[in-house]
């Protein structure tokens, strides 16, 4: 859900690439049915989503790695020195972890999505501000 929302929000920024991977991903599994339904209500189709595992190569190639929980951040920082300084929680600025709704009732997916939307909004503002500053200083 976070990947689709962030990609949609930044679609006009061609230099920005958004992708999803998990620490304990069930590789090649589709998005949960509740997630697909909730995203469809927002006009976003995630039916083609396939889970993949986060790898050192993905971390190295990324400028920013957003995670859902503090423990994810710690695990990545401890496992990969190239991750230092670029791993943050999606709700970092709200000091919140986002629980994984996997195999939970739809209500938990709805609550999780609200947190994800807040986090995405915060990061979109920061990413746009960062890109603007880089553009302005290069002029």
C-alpha atoms as a PDB file:
ATOM      1  CA  UNK A   1       0.000   0.000   0.000  1.00  0.00           C
ATOM      2  CA  UNK A   2       2.820   2.385   0.896  1.00  0.00           C
ATOM      3  CA  UNK A   3       4.626   1.751  -2.377  1.00  0.00           C
ATOM      4  CA  UNK A   4       1.526   2.502  -4.462  1.00  0.00           C
ATOM      5  CA  UNK A   5       0.637   5.636  -2.517  1.00  0.00           C
ATOM      6  CA  UNK A   6       4.177   7.022  -2.585  1.00  0.00           C
ATOM      7  CA  UNK A   7       4.652   6.206  -6.270  1.00  0.00           C
ATOM      8  CA  UNK A   8       1.332   7.864  -7.116  1.00  0.00           C
ATOM      9  CA  UNK A   9       2.137  10.966  -5.066  1.00  0.00           C
ATOM     10  CA  UNK A  10       5.549  11.358  -6.742  1.00  0.00           C
ATOM     11  CA  UNK A  11       4.567  10.324 -10.274  1.00  0.00           C
ATOM     12  CA  UNK A  12       5.453  13.745 -11.662  1.00  0.00           C
ATOM     13  CA  UNK A  13       9.043  13.445 -10.398  1.00  0.00           C
ATOM     14  CA  UNK A  14      10.681  11.335 -13.099  1.00  0.00           C
ATOM     15  CA  UNK A  15      13.995  11.141 -11.222  1.00  0.00           C
ATOM     16  CA  UNK A  16      12.314   9.407  -8.272  1.00  0.00           C
ATOM     17  CA  UNK A  17      11.872   5.643  -8.311  1.00  0.00           C
ATOM     18  CA  UNK A  18       9.718   3.841  -5.733  1.00  0.00           C
ATOM     19  CA  UNK A  19       9.764   0.104  -5.064  1.00  0.00           C
ATOM     20  CA  UNK A  20       8.841  -2.259  -2.272  1.00  0.00           C
ATOM     21  CA  UNK A  21      10.686  -5.087  -0.524  1.00  0.00           C
ATOM     22  CA  UNK A  22      10.371  -6.683   2.871  1.00  0.00           C
ATOM     23  CA  UNK A  23      12.591  -8.171   5.553  1.00  0.00           C
ATOM     24  CA  UNK A  24      10.393 -11.233   5.923  1.00  0.00           C
ATOM     25  CA  UNK A  25       8.565 -11.054   2.622  1.00  0.00           C
ATOM     26  CA  UNK A  26       6.753 -14.086   1.292  1.00  0.00           C
ATOM     27  CA  UNK A  27       8.484 -13.834  -2.071  1.00  0.00           C
ATOM     28  CA  UNK A  28       6.172 -13.639  -5.090  1.00  0.00           C
ATOM     29  CA  UNK A  29       3.020 -13.509  -2.958  1.00  0.00           C
ATOM     30  CA  UNK A  30       0.397 -10.989  -4.105  1.00  0.00           C
ATOM     31  CA  UNK A  31      -0.919  -8.150  -1.980  1.00  0.00           C
ATOM     32  CA  UNK A  32      -3.527  -9.103   0.584  1.00  0.00           C
ATOM     33  CA  UNK A  33      -7.123  -8.973  -0.591  1.00  0.00           C
ATOM     34  CA  UNK A  34      -8.018  -6.259   1.942  1.00  0.00           C
ATOM     35  CA  UNK A  35      -5.078  -4.164   0.723  1.00  0.00           C
ATOM     36  CA  UNK A  36      -6.167  -4.532  -2.907  1.00  0.00           C
ATOM     37  CA  UNK A  37      -9.731  -3.507  -2.037  1.00  0.00           C
ATOM     38  CA  UNK A  38      -8.688  -0.461  -0.008  1.00  0.00           C
ATOM     39  CA  UNK A  39      -6.275   0.725  -2.675  1.00  0.00           C
ATOM     40  CA  UNK A  40      -8.890   0.209  -5.399  1.00  0.00           C
ATOM     41  CA  UNK A  41     -11.184   2.513  -3.406  1.00  0.00           C
ATOM     42  CA  UNK A  42      -8.446   5.135  -3.782  1.00  0.00           C
ATOM     43  CA  UNK A  43      -8.162   4.510  -7.511  1.00  0.00           C
ATOM     44  CA  UNK A  44      -4.916   2.538  -7.294  1.00  0.00           C
ATOM     45  CA  UNK A  45      -4.513  -0.973  -8.694  1.00  0.00           C
ATOM     46  CA  UNK A  46      -2.035  -3.149  -6.794  1.00  0.00           C
ATOM     47  CA  UNK A  47      -3.296  -6.453  -8.182  1.00  0.00           C
ATOM     48  CA  UNK A  48       0.024  -7.030  -9.950  1.00  0.00           C
ATOM     49  CA  UNK A  49       2.095  -6.635  -6.778  1.00  0.00           C
ATOM     50  CA  UNK A  50       4.474  -9.478  -5.955  1.00  0.00           C
ATOM     51  CA  UNK A  51       6.382  -9.471  -2.666  1.00  0.00           C
ATOM     52  CA  UNK A  52      10.161  -9.544  -2.763  1.00  0.00           C
ATOM     53  CA  UNK A  53      12.926  -9.722  -0.213  1.00  0.00           C
ATOM     54  CA  UNK A  54      15.042  -6.699   0.713  1.00  0.00           C
ATOM     55  CA  UNK A  55      18.627  -7.353  -0.358  1.00  0.00           C
ATOM     56  CA  UNK A  56      21.952  -5.601   0.225  1.00  0.00           C
ATOM     57  CA  UNK A  57      21.972  -4.625  -3.466  1.00  0.00           C
ATOM     58  CA  UNK A  58      18.594  -2.889  -3.136  1.00  0.00           C
ATOM     59  CA  UNK A  59      19.757  -1.045  -0.026  1.00  0.00           C
ATOM     60  CA  UNK A  60      23.008   0.027  -1.651  1.00  0.00           C
ATOM     61  CA  UNK A  61      21.196   1.321  -4.749  1.00  0.00           C
ATOM     62  CA  UNK A  62      18.679   3.321  -2.698  1.00  0.00           C
ATOM     63  CA  UNK A  63      18.942   6.892  -1.472  1.00  0.00           C
ATOM     64  CA  UNK A  64      16.147   6.340   1.042  1.00  0.00           C
ATOM     65  CA  UNK A  65      14.771   3.184   2.652  1.00  0.00           C
ATOM     66  CA  UNK A  66      11.435   3.533   4.415  1.00  0.00           C
ATOM     67  CA  UNK A  67      10.353   0.898   6.916  1.00  0.00           C
ATOM     68  CA  UNK A  68       7.245   0.427   9.009  1.00  0.00           C
ATOM     69  CA  UNK A  69       8.709  -0.309  12.442  1.00  0.00           C
ATOM     70  CA  UNK A  70      11.683   0.674  14.598  1.00  0.00           C
ATOM     71  CA  UNK A  71      12.797  -2.942  14.766  1.00  0.00           C
ATOM     72  CA  UNK A  72      13.004  -3.044  10.962  1.00  0.00           C
ATOM     73  CA  UNK A  73      15.250  -0.002  11.000  1.00  0.00           C
ATOM     74  CA  UNK A  74      17.533  -1.505  13.639  1.00  0.00           C
ATOM     75  CA  UNK A  75      17.725  -4.822  11.796  1.00  0.00           C
ATOM     76  CA  UNK A  76      18.732  -3.181   8.522  1.00  0.00           C
ATOM     77  CA  UNK A  77      21.248  -0.836  10.173  1.00  0.00           C
ATOM     78  CA  UNK A  78      22.842  -3.774  11.994  1.00  0.00           C
ATOM     79  CA  UNK A  79      23.001  -5.997   8.911  1.00  0.00           C
ATOM     80  CA  UNK A  80      24.201  -3.523   6.294  1.00  0.00           C
ATOM     81  CA  UNK A  81      26.728  -0.711   6.750  1.00  0.00           C
ATOM     82  CA  UNK A  82      25.641   0.903   3.457  1.00  0.00           C
ATOM     83  CA  UNK A  83      22.225   1.552   5.026  1.00  0.00           C
ATOM     84  CA  UNK A  84      23.568   3.977   7.617  1.00  0.00           C
ATOM     85  CA  UNK A  85      21.794   7.333   7.415  1.00  0.00           C
ATOM     86  CA  UNK A  86      19.203   6.359   4.840  1.00  0.00           C
ATOM     87  CA  UNK A  87      16.791   4.120   6.747  1.00  0.00           C
ATOM     88  CA  UNK A  88      13.776   5.787   8.363  1.00  0.00           C
ATOM     89  CA  UNK A  89      10.319   4.777   9.450  1.00  0.00           C
ATOM     90  CA  UNK A  90       7.463   5.826   7.206  1.00  0.00           C
ATOM     91  CA  UNK A  91       5.946   7.614  10.225  1.00  0.00           C
ATOM     92  CA  UNK A  92       9.321   8.864  11.481  1.00  0.00           C
ATOM     93  CA  UNK A  93       8.107  12.418  11.857  1.00  0.00           C
ATOM     94  CA  UNK A  94       5.115  11.275  13.903  1.00  0.00           C
ATOM     95  CA  UNK A  95       7.266   8.925  16.031  1.00  0.00           C
ATOM     96  CA  UNK A  96       5.009   5.983  15.237  1.00  0.00           C
ATOM     97  CA  UNK A  97       5.472   2.416  14.131  1.00  0.00           C
ATOM     98  CA  UNK A  98       3.020   0.978  11.628  1.00  0.00           C
ATOM     99  CA  UNK A  99       1.803  -2.519  12.504  1.00  0.00           C
ATOM    100  CA  UNK A 100       1.777  -5.237   9.859  1.00  0.00           C
ATOM    101  CA  UNK A 101      -1.862  -6.124   9.160  1.00  0.00           C
ATOM    102  CA  UNK A 102      -0.941  -9.433   7.482  1.00  0.00           C
ATOM    103  CA  UNK A 103      -3.721 -12.002   8.044  1.00  0.00           C
ATOM    104  CA  UNK A 104      -5.661  -9.536  10.202  1.00  0.00           C
ATOM    105  CA  UNK A 105      -9.238  -8.257   9.841  1.00  0.00           C
ATOM    106  CA  UNK A 106     -10.055  -5.504   7.372  1.00  0.00           C
ATOM    107  CA  UNK A 107     -10.399  -2.992  10.224  1.00  0.00           C
ATOM    108  CA  UNK A 108      -6.693  -3.322  10.995  1.00  0.00           C
ATOM    109  CA  UNK A 109      -5.860  -2.822   7.312  1.00  0.00           C
ATOM    110  CA  UNK A 110      -7.964   0.367   7.383  1.00  0.00           C
ATOM    111  CA  UNK A 111      -6.155   1.648  10.491  1.00  0.00           C
ATOM    112  CA  UNK A 112      -2.799   0.736   8.991  1.00  0.00           C
ATOM    113  CA  UNK A 113      -3.651   2.506   5.754  1.00  0.00           C
ATOM    114  CA  UNK A 114      -4.478   5.713   7.615  1.00  0.00           C
ATOM    115  CA  UNK A 115      -1.013   5.661   9.209  1.00  0.00           C
ATOM    116  CA  UNK A 116       0.598   4.879   5.868  1.00  0.00           C
ATOM    117  CA  UNK A 117      -1.213   7.809   4.235  1.00  0.00           C
ATOM    118  CA  UNK A 118       0.046  10.142   6.970  1.00  0.00           C
ATOM    119  CA  UNK A 119       3.603   8.894   6.570  1.00  0.00           C
ATOM    120  CA  UNK A 120       3.481   9.152   2.799  1.00  0.00           C
ATOM    121  CA  UNK A 121       2.208  12.719   3.040  1.00  0.00           C
ATOM    122  CA  UNK A 122       5.077  13.643   5.379  1.00  0.00           C
ATOM    123  CA  UNK A 123       7.707  12.060   3.134  1.00  0.00           C
ATOM    124  CA  UNK A 124       6.294  13.537  -0.074  1.00  0.00           C
ATOM    125  CA  UNK A 125       6.668  17.007   1.437  1.00  0.00           C
ATOM    126  CA  UNK A 126      10.256  16.289   2.480  1.00  0.00           C
ATOM    127  CA  UNK A 127      11.220  14.653  -0.813  1.00  0.00           C
ATOM    128  CA  UNK A 128       9.771  17.524  -2.817  1.00  0.00           C
ATOM    129  CA  UNK A 129      11.498  20.092  -0.583  1.00  0.00           C
ATOM    130  CA  UNK A 130      14.782  18.223  -0.939  1.00  0.00           C
ATOM    131  CA  UNK A 131      14.511  18.007  -4.720  1.00  0.00           C
ATOM    132  CA  UNK A 132      13.586  21.700  -4.942  1.00  0.00           C
ATOM    133  CA  UNK A 133      16.634  22.720  -2.884  1.00  0.00           C
ATOM    134  CA  UNK A 134      18.934  20.635  -5.077  1.00  0.00           C
ATOM    135  CA  UNK A 135      17.427  22.162  -8.207  1.00  0.00           C
ATOM    136  CA  UNK A 136      17.694  25.679  -6.814  1.00  0.00           C
ATOM    137  CA  UNK A 137      21.318  25.314  -5.721  1.00  0.00           C
ATOM    138  CA  UNK A 138      22.309  23.911  -9.109  1.00  0.00           C
ATOM    139  CA  UNK A 139      20.973  26.898 -11.019  1.00  0.00           C
END
